[in-house]
């Protein structure tokens, strides 16, 4: 095929300009897709863990009750997040469950109580960000993802 005079490299030049943009867009789609999956997973884990606190008998000593609720919450959150790689699961739960925040409070009505479970996932450093001049890092990402589950017992 013969090109008109002066247009023989136009397609290669257009490809060279558009390829990096296309690759950045595909990379951004992959990063944000994973971020949304993790956000939904920790939200589900927080709610399931809070609901698991209902299994614990509140008639026991308050200190024992809080310890039993914490153990049940941690076991449920670990089970729900089992699909994550161990290093990423540790970002949510901590190596010993120390990052899981469980609050056992009294109900406003005075009957029963409220269990709140807070989970956070440190997203910083998980994916490469490409710094572009005048634009900043691409793709922009949050430092942490947070989720909360609340249940009345």
C-alpha atoms as a PDB file:
ATOM      1  CA  UNK A   1       0.000   0.000   0.000  1.00  0.00           C
ATOM      2  CA  UNK A   2       1.317   3.397  -0.911  1.00  0.00           C
ATOM      3  CA  UNK A   3       0.874   6.320   1.414  1.00  0.00           C
ATOM      4  CA  UNK A   4       0.427   9.866   0.224  1.00  0.00           C
ATOM      5  CA  UNK A   5       3.619  11.806   0.418  1.00  0.00           C
ATOM      6  CA  UNK A   6       4.557  12.793   4.017  1.00  0.00           C
ATOM      7  CA  UNK A   7       2.087  10.487   5.843  1.00  0.00           C
ATOM      8  CA  UNK A   8       4.114   7.269   5.942  1.00  0.00           C
ATOM      9  CA  UNK A   9       4.872   7.476   9.698  1.00  0.00           C
ATOM     10  CA  UNK A  10       1.581   8.953  10.906  1.00  0.00           C
ATOM     11  CA  UNK A  11       0.128   5.668  12.152  1.00  0.00           C
ATOM     12  CA  UNK A  12       3.304   4.793  14.048  1.00  0.00           C
ATOM     13  CA  UNK A  13       3.386   8.242  15.645  1.00  0.00           C
ATOM     14  CA  UNK A  14      -0.280   8.032  16.677  1.00  0.00           C
ATOM     15  CA  UNK A  15       0.343   4.573  18.132  1.00  0.00           C
ATOM     16  CA  UNK A  16       3.374   5.834  20.048  1.00  0.00           C
ATOM     17  CA  UNK A  17       1.327   8.675  21.551  1.00  0.00           C
ATOM     18  CA  UNK A  18      -1.788   6.666  22.398  1.00  0.00           C
ATOM     19  CA  UNK A  19      -0.206   3.445  23.696  1.00  0.00           C
ATOM     20  CA  UNK A  20       1.054   4.911  27.014  1.00  0.00           C
ATOM     21  CA  UNK A  21      -2.335   6.543  27.610  1.00  0.00           C
ATOM     22  CA  UNK A  22      -4.129   3.289  26.896  1.00  0.00           C
ATOM     23  CA  UNK A  23      -1.812   1.349  29.215  1.00  0.00           C
ATOM     24  CA  UNK A  24      -2.329   3.935  32.007  1.00  0.00           C
ATOM     25  CA  UNK A  25      -6.072   3.632  31.577  1.00  0.00           C
ATOM     26  CA  UNK A  26      -5.958  -0.172  31.747  1.00  0.00           C
ATOM     27  CA  UNK A  27      -3.698  -0.024  34.822  1.00  0.00           C
ATOM     28  CA  UNK A  28      -6.081   2.432  36.501  1.00  0.00           C
ATOM     29  CA  UNK A  29      -9.051   0.163  35.785  1.00  0.00           C
ATOM     30  CA  UNK A  30      -7.235  -2.794  37.364  1.00  0.00           C
ATOM     31  CA  UNK A  31      -6.187  -0.810  40.461  1.00  0.00           C
ATOM     32  CA  UNK A  32      -9.626   0.682  41.061  1.00  0.00           C
ATOM     33  CA  UNK A  33     -11.321  -2.657  40.450  1.00  0.00           C
ATOM     34  CA  UNK A  34      -9.176  -4.273  43.133  1.00  0.00           C
ATOM     35  CA  UNK A  35      -9.766  -1.323  45.450  1.00  0.00           C
ATOM     36  CA  UNK A  36     -13.549  -1.692  45.072  1.00  0.00           C
ATOM     37  CA  UNK A  37     -13.353  -5.445  45.710  1.00  0.00           C
ATOM     38  CA  UNK A  38     -11.351  -4.880  48.882  1.00  0.00           C
ATOM     39  CA  UNK A  39     -13.726  -2.117  50.046  1.00  0.00           C
ATOM     40  CA  UNK A  40     -16.741  -4.371  49.579  1.00  0.00           C
ATOM     41  CA  UNK A  41     -14.930  -7.263  51.290  1.00  0.00           C
ATOM     42  CA  UNK A  42     -13.987  -5.312  54.414  1.00  0.00           C
ATOM     43  CA  UNK A  43     -17.476  -3.784  54.578  1.00  0.00           C
ATOM     44  CA  UNK A  44     -19.005  -7.260  54.389  1.00  0.00           C
ATOM     45  CA  UNK A  45     -16.480  -8.591  56.923  1.00  0.00           C
ATOM     46  CA  UNK A  46     -17.237  -5.771  59.376  1.00  0.00           C
ATOM     47  CA  UNK A  47     -20.989  -6.348  59.154  1.00  0.00           C
ATOM     48  CA  UNK A  48     -20.696 -10.136  59.392  1.00  0.00           C
ATOM     49  CA  UNK A  49     -18.319  -9.811  62.354  1.00  0.00           C
ATOM     50  CA  UNK A  50     -20.704  -7.454  64.139  1.00  0.00           C
ATOM     51  CA  UNK A  51     -23.609  -9.826  63.493  1.00  0.00           C
ATOM     52  CA  UNK A  52     -21.528 -12.717  64.884  1.00  0.00           C
ATOM     53  CA  UNK A  53     -21.486 -10.923  68.250  1.00  0.00           C
ATOM     54  CA  UNK A  54     -25.134 -11.901  68.642  1.00  0.00           C
ATOM     55  CA  UNK A  55     -23.996 -15.508  69.245  1.00  0.00           C
ATOM     56  CA  UNK A  56     -22.300 -14.528  72.514  1.00  0.00           C
ATOM     57  CA  UNK A  57     -24.383 -14.810  75.683  1.00  0.00           C
ATOM     58  CA  UNK A  58     -24.630 -11.319  77.270  1.00  0.00           C
ATOM     59  CA  UNK A  59     -25.572 -12.754  80.679  1.00  0.00           C
ATOM     60  CA  UNK A  60     -21.940 -13.417  81.597  1.00  0.00           C
ATOM     61  CA  UNK A  61     -19.512 -11.119  83.413  1.00  0.00           C
ATOM     62  CA  UNK A  62     -18.979  -7.885  81.399  1.00  0.00           C
ATOM     63  CA  UNK A  63     -15.222  -8.404  81.033  1.00  0.00           C
ATOM     64  CA  UNK A  64     -15.720 -12.000  79.882  1.00  0.00           C
ATOM     65  CA  UNK A  65     -18.527 -10.881  77.576  1.00  0.00           C
ATOM     66  CA  UNK A  66     -16.333  -8.287  75.842  1.00  0.00           C
ATOM     67  CA  UNK A  67     -13.497 -10.816  75.455  1.00  0.00           C
ATOM     68  CA  UNK A  68     -15.905 -13.403  74.020  1.00  0.00           C
ATOM     69  CA  UNK A  69     -17.391 -10.824  71.628  1.00  0.00           C
ATOM     70  CA  UNK A  70     -13.911  -9.797  70.494  1.00  0.00           C
ATOM     71  CA  UNK A  71     -12.902 -13.428  69.904  1.00  0.00           C
ATOM     72  CA  UNK A  72     -16.087 -14.127  67.917  1.00  0.00           C
ATOM     73  CA  UNK A  73     -15.663 -10.931  65.880  1.00  0.00           C
ATOM     74  CA  UNK A  74     -12.035 -11.720  65.076  1.00  0.00           C
ATOM     75  CA  UNK A  75     -12.815 -15.309  64.083  1.00  0.00           C
ATOM     76  CA  UNK A  76     -15.628 -14.184  61.768  1.00  0.00           C
ATOM     77  CA  UNK A  77     -13.606 -11.379  60.167  1.00  0.00           C
ATOM     78  CA  UNK A  78     -10.712 -13.776  59.583  1.00  0.00           C
ATOM     79  CA  UNK A  79     -13.041 -16.334  57.979  1.00  0.00           C
ATOM     80  CA  UNK A  80     -14.692 -13.755  55.700  1.00  0.00           C
ATOM     81  CA  UNK A  81     -11.364 -12.257  54.592  1.00  0.00           C
ATOM     82  CA  UNK A  82      -9.747 -15.639  54.015  1.00  0.00           C
ATOM     83  CA  UNK A  83      -9.638 -15.061  50.240  1.00  0.00           C
ATOM     84  CA  UNK A  84      -7.116 -12.201  50.644  1.00  0.00           C
ATOM     85  CA  UNK A  85      -3.406 -13.027  50.485  1.00  0.00           C
ATOM     86  CA  UNK A  86      -1.919 -13.306  54.006  1.00  0.00           C
ATOM     87  CA  UNK A  87       0.047 -10.034  53.759  1.00  0.00           C
ATOM     88  CA  UNK A  88      -3.068  -8.118  52.752  1.00  0.00           C
ATOM     89  CA  UNK A  89      -5.228  -9.832  55.371  1.00  0.00           C
ATOM     90  CA  UNK A  90      -2.668  -8.667  57.915  1.00  0.00           C
ATOM     91  CA  UNK A  91      -3.181  -5.079  56.688  1.00  0.00           C
ATOM     92  CA  UNK A  92      -6.807  -5.376  57.800  1.00  0.00           C
ATOM     93  CA  UNK A  93      -6.613  -7.557  60.906  1.00  0.00           C
ATOM     94  CA  UNK A  94      -3.047  -7.112  62.116  1.00  0.00           C
ATOM     95  CA  UNK A  95      -0.802 -10.074  62.831  1.00  0.00           C
ATOM     96  CA  UNK A  96      -2.601 -10.820  66.095  1.00  0.00           C
ATOM     97  CA  UNK A  97      -5.965  -9.174  65.438  1.00  0.00           C
ATOM     98  CA  UNK A  98      -4.845  -5.911  67.021  1.00  0.00           C
ATOM     99  CA  UNK A  99      -6.120  -3.742  64.153  1.00  0.00           C
ATOM    100  CA  UNK A 100      -9.736  -4.873  64.595  1.00  0.00           C
ATOM    101  CA  UNK A 101     -11.557  -2.285  66.684  1.00  0.00           C
ATOM    102  CA  UNK A 102     -14.485  -3.709  68.636  1.00  0.00           C
ATOM    103  CA  UNK A 103     -16.641  -1.473  70.823  1.00  0.00           C
ATOM    104  CA  UNK A 104     -19.303  -2.899  73.116  1.00  0.00           C
ATOM    105  CA  UNK A 105     -21.579  -0.147  74.316  1.00  0.00           C
ATOM    106  CA  UNK A 106     -24.914   0.149  76.017  1.00  0.00           C
ATOM    107  CA  UNK A 107     -28.090   0.715  74.064  1.00  0.00           C
ATOM    108  CA  UNK A 108     -29.789   4.127  74.314  1.00  0.00           C
ATOM    109  CA  UNK A 109     -32.891   2.326  75.603  1.00  0.00           C
ATOM    110  CA  UNK A 110     -30.894   0.587  78.341  1.00  0.00           C
ATOM    111  CA  UNK A 111     -31.923  -2.845  77.069  1.00  0.00           C
ATOM    112  CA  UNK A 112     -29.167  -4.861  75.451  1.00  0.00           C
ATOM    113  CA  UNK A 113     -26.180  -3.206  73.868  1.00  0.00           C
ATOM    114  CA  UNK A 114     -24.540  -2.130  70.654  1.00  0.00           C
ATOM    115  CA  UNK A 115     -21.495  -3.810  69.134  1.00  0.00           C
ATOM    116  CA  UNK A 116     -19.486  -1.769  66.645  1.00  0.00           C
ATOM    117  CA  UNK A 117     -16.729  -3.279  64.509  1.00  0.00           C
ATOM    118  CA  UNK A 118     -14.315  -1.007  62.627  1.00  0.00           C
ATOM    119  CA  UNK A 119     -11.931  -2.364  60.000  1.00  0.00           C
ATOM    120  CA  UNK A 120      -9.403  -0.451  57.936  1.00  0.00           C
ATOM    121  CA  UNK A 121      -7.189  -1.529  55.054  1.00  0.00           C
ATOM    122  CA  UNK A 122      -3.946   0.363  54.508  1.00  0.00           C
ATOM    123  CA  UNK A 123      -3.936   0.834  50.740  1.00  0.00           C
ATOM    124  CA  UNK A 124      -0.751   2.923  50.588  1.00  0.00           C
ATOM    125  CA  UNK A 125       2.124   1.108  48.899  1.00  0.00           C
ATOM    126  CA  UNK A 126       0.026  -1.739  47.549  1.00  0.00           C
ATOM    127  CA  UNK A 127       0.165  -0.549  43.931  1.00  0.00           C
ATOM    128  CA  UNK A 128       2.697   1.517  42.047  1.00  0.00           C
ATOM    129  CA  UNK A 129       1.728   5.137  41.495  1.00  0.00           C
ATOM    130  CA  UNK A 130       3.283   6.838  38.508  1.00  0.00           C
ATOM    131  CA  UNK A 131       4.217  10.467  39.260  1.00  0.00           C
ATOM    132  CA  UNK A 132       3.450  12.749  36.349  1.00  0.00           C
ATOM    133  CA  UNK A 133       4.632  16.369  36.304  1.00  0.00           C
ATOM    134  CA  UNK A 134       1.856  18.972  36.765  1.00  0.00           C
ATOM    135  CA  UNK A 135      -0.688  16.177  37.325  1.00  0.00           C
ATOM    136  CA  UNK A 136       0.531  14.241  40.347  1.00  0.00           C
ATOM    137  CA  UNK A 137       0.514  10.510  41.012  1.00  0.00           C
ATOM    138  CA  UNK A 138      -1.508   8.357  38.628  1.00  0.00           C
ATOM    139  CA  UNK A 139      -3.808   6.710  39.607  1.00  0.00           C
ATOM    140  CA  UNK A 140      -4.775   8.717  42.690  1.00  0.00           C
ATOM    141  CA  UNK A 141      -5.514   6.343  45.568  1.00  0.00           C
ATOM    142  CA  UNK A 142      -6.752   6.686  49.138  1.00  0.00           C
ATOM    143  CA  UNK A 143      -4.379   5.973  52.004  1.00  0.00           C
ATOM    144  CA  UNK A 144      -6.824   3.677  53.778  1.00  0.00           C
ATOM    145  CA  UNK A 145     -10.156   2.028  53.151  1.00  0.00           C
ATOM    146  CA  UNK A 146     -12.485   1.915  56.155  1.00  0.00           C
ATOM    147  CA  UNK A 147     -15.590  -0.084  57.029  1.00  0.00           C
ATOM    148  CA  UNK A 148     -17.941  -0.241  59.985  1.00  0.00           C
ATOM    149  CA  UNK A 149     -20.469  -2.805  61.105  1.00  0.00           C
ATOM    150  CA  UNK A 150     -22.994  -2.106  63.865  1.00  0.00           C
ATOM    151  CA  UNK A 151     -25.475  -4.468  65.503  1.00  0.00           C
ATOM    152  CA  UNK A 152     -27.738  -4.281  68.512  1.00  0.00           C
ATOM    153  CA  UNK A 153     -27.551  -7.214  70.922  1.00  0.00           C
END
